Amino acid sequence: MTRMRLFRTWTRDELVVAIRGLEEGLTTGAQSVGYSAAGTVVYVRRADAISVLRDLYERLDECDGAQPRPRVRHVRPIPLRGY
């Protein structure tokens, strides 16, 4: 599955404002985050907000020139009997 490349046209300042808004919403338990110029975003689950926040931080790291960290994949070993 390929990942969408989100937030490519956003400036660093826009990324910081979006990150702060999401973090405020998560810390206060809000179900929506409002932006003065872009309206309101409503999240169905907390996991959705955290996923978007992760993408925003990755893009902010790219803007700052930091090396991207590889995503952690969890692989479940399946034992085979008789081998």
C-alpha atoms as a PDB file:
ATOM      1  CA  MET A   1       0.000   0.000   0.000  1.00  0.00           C
ATOM      2  CA  THR A   2       1.425   3.375  -0.968  1.00  0.00           C
ATOM      3  CA  ARG A   3       1.139   6.320   1.377  1.00  0.00           C
ATOM      4  CA  MET A   4      -0.284   9.611   0.233  1.00  0.00           C
ATOM      5  CA  ARG A   5       2.167  12.465   0.218  1.00  0.00           C
ATOM      6  CA  LEU A   6       0.201  14.979   2.246  1.00  0.00           C
ATOM      7  CA  PHE A   7       1.003  18.576   3.177  1.00  0.00           C
ATOM      8  CA  ARG A   8       3.580  19.093   0.379  1.00  0.00           C
ATOM      9  CA  THR A   9       2.402  22.624  -0.412  1.00  0.00           C
ATOM     10  CA  TRP A  10       2.163  23.780   3.212  1.00  0.00           C
ATOM     11  CA  THR A  11       4.705  26.204   4.585  1.00  0.00           C
ATOM     12  CA  ARG A  12       6.538  25.545   7.829  1.00  0.00           C
ATOM     13  CA  ASP A  13       4.380  28.115   9.656  1.00  0.00           C
ATOM     14  CA  GLU A  14       1.170  26.450   8.445  1.00  0.00           C
ATOM     15  CA  LEU A  15       2.437  23.077   9.649  1.00  0.00           C
ATOM     16  CA  VAL A  16       3.250  24.468  13.104  1.00  0.00           C
ATOM     17  CA  VAL A  17      -0.204  26.059  13.418  1.00  0.00           C
ATOM     18  CA  ALA A  18      -1.914  22.802  12.400  1.00  0.00           C
ATOM     19  CA  ILE A  19       0.207  20.770  14.840  1.00  0.00           C
ATOM     20  CA  ARG A  20      -0.569  23.139  17.695  1.00  0.00           C
ATOM     21  CA  GLY A  21      -4.283  23.033  16.904  1.00  0.00           C
ATOM     22  CA  LEU A  22      -4.373  19.241  16.865  1.00  0.00           C
ATOM     23  CA  GLU A  23      -2.324  18.947  20.030  1.00  0.00           C
ATOM     24  CA  GLU A  24      -4.636  21.405  21.806  1.00  0.00           C
ATOM     25  CA  GLY A  25      -7.639  19.409  20.693  1.00  0.00           C
ATOM     26  CA  LEU A  26      -6.107  16.147  21.887  1.00  0.00           C
ATOM     27  CA  THR A  27      -5.088  17.521  25.275  1.00  0.00           C
ATOM     28  CA  THR A  28      -8.500  19.041  25.960  1.00  0.00           C
ATOM     29  CA  GLY A  29     -10.436  16.042  24.663  1.00  0.00           C
ATOM     30  CA  ALA A  30     -12.142  18.044  21.912  1.00  0.00           C
ATOM     31  CA  GLN A  31     -13.775  16.211  19.026  1.00  0.00           C
ATOM     32  CA  SER A  32     -13.105  18.998  16.535  1.00  0.00           C
ATOM     33  CA  VAL A  33     -10.408  21.534  15.712  1.00  0.00           C
ATOM     34  CA  GLY A  34     -11.300  24.945  14.260  1.00  0.00           C
ATOM     35  CA  TYR A  35      -9.114  27.075  12.000  1.00  0.00           C
ATOM     36  CA  SER A  36      -9.745  30.769  11.396  1.00  0.00           C
ATOM     37  CA  ALA A  37      -9.207  30.579   7.633  1.00  0.00           C
ATOM     38  CA  ALA A  38     -10.133  26.972   6.877  1.00  0.00           C
ATOM     39  CA  GLY A  39     -13.216  26.112   8.934  1.00  0.00           C
ATOM     40  CA  THR A  40     -13.479  23.149  11.304  1.00  0.00           C
ATOM     41  CA  VAL A  41     -12.188  19.583  11.155  1.00  0.00           C
ATOM     42  CA  VAL A  42     -14.100  16.904  13.069  1.00  0.00           C
ATOM     43  CA  TYR A  43     -12.443  13.589  13.946  1.00  0.00           C
ATOM     44  CA  VAL A  44     -14.376  10.384  14.411  1.00  0.00           C
ATOM     45  CA  ARG A  45     -11.675   8.763  16.508  1.00  0.00           C
ATOM     46  CA  ARG A  46      -8.666   9.892  18.500  1.00  0.00           C
ATOM     47  CA  ALA A  47      -6.538   7.563  16.372  1.00  0.00           C
ATOM     48  CA  ASP A  48      -7.439   9.616  13.279  1.00  0.00           C
ATOM     49  CA  ALA A  49      -6.117  12.783  14.874  1.00  0.00           C
ATOM     50  CA  ILE A  50      -2.933  11.031  15.993  1.00  0.00           C
ATOM     51  CA  SER A  51      -2.383   9.663  12.495  1.00  0.00           C
ATOM     52  CA  VAL A  52      -2.710  13.136  10.949  1.00  0.00           C
ATOM     53  CA  LEU A  53      -0.447  14.550  13.652  1.00  0.00           C
ATOM     54  CA  ARG A  54       2.206  11.942  12.800  1.00  0.00           C
ATOM     55  CA  ASP A  55       2.026  12.938   9.110  1.00  0.00           C
ATOM     56  CA  LEU A  56       2.332  16.618  10.007  1.00  0.00           C
ATOM     57  CA  TYR A  57       5.407  15.976  12.141  1.00  0.00           C
ATOM     58  CA  GLU A  58       7.012  13.942   9.323  1.00  0.00           C
ATOM     59  CA  ARG A  59       6.450  16.806   6.891  1.00  0.00           C
ATOM     60  CA  LEU A  60       7.790  19.334   9.428  1.00  0.00           C
ATOM     61  CA  ASP A  61      10.929  17.221   9.797  1.00  0.00           C
ATOM     62  CA  GLU A  62      11.348  17.247   6.012  1.00  0.00           C
ATOM     63  CA  CYS A  63      11.033  21.048   5.967  1.00  0.00           C
ATOM     64  CA  ASP A  64      13.689  21.292   8.682  1.00  0.00           C
ATOM     65  CA  GLY A  65      16.017  18.950   6.802  1.00  0.00           C
ATOM     66  CA  ALA A  66      15.924  16.130   9.348  1.00  0.00           C
ATOM     67  CA  GLN A  67      16.480  12.591   8.131  1.00  0.00           C
ATOM     68  CA  PRO A  68      13.222  10.613   7.991  1.00  0.00           C
ATOM     69  CA  ARG A  69      12.949   7.809  10.511  1.00  0.00           C
ATOM     70  CA  PRO A  70      11.831   4.428   9.197  1.00  0.00           C
ATOM     71  CA  ARG A  71       8.364   3.353  10.242  1.00  0.00           C
ATOM     72  CA  VAL A  72       8.215   0.518  12.730  1.00  0.00           C
ATOM     73  CA  ARG A  73       6.562  -2.576  11.356  1.00  0.00           C
ATOM     74  CA  HIS A  74       5.326  -5.311  13.625  1.00  0.00           C
ATOM     75  CA  VAL A  75       5.608  -8.745  12.075  1.00  0.00           C
ATOM     76  CA  ARG A  76       3.966 -11.627  13.864  1.00  0.00           C
ATOM     77  CA  PRO A  77       5.898 -14.880  13.480  1.00  0.00           C
ATOM     78  CA  ILE A  78       3.750 -17.904  12.735  1.00  0.00           C
ATOM     79  CA  PRO A  79       5.376 -21.117  13.940  1.00  0.00           C
ATOM     80  CA  LEU A  80       5.098 -24.164  11.716  1.00  0.00           C
ATOM     81  CA  ARG A  81       5.007 -27.553  13.399  1.00  0.00           C
ATOM     82  CA  GLY A  82       7.034 -30.419  12.111  1.00  0.00           C
ATOM     83  CA  TYR A  83       9.906 -28.463  10.607  1.00  0.00           C
END
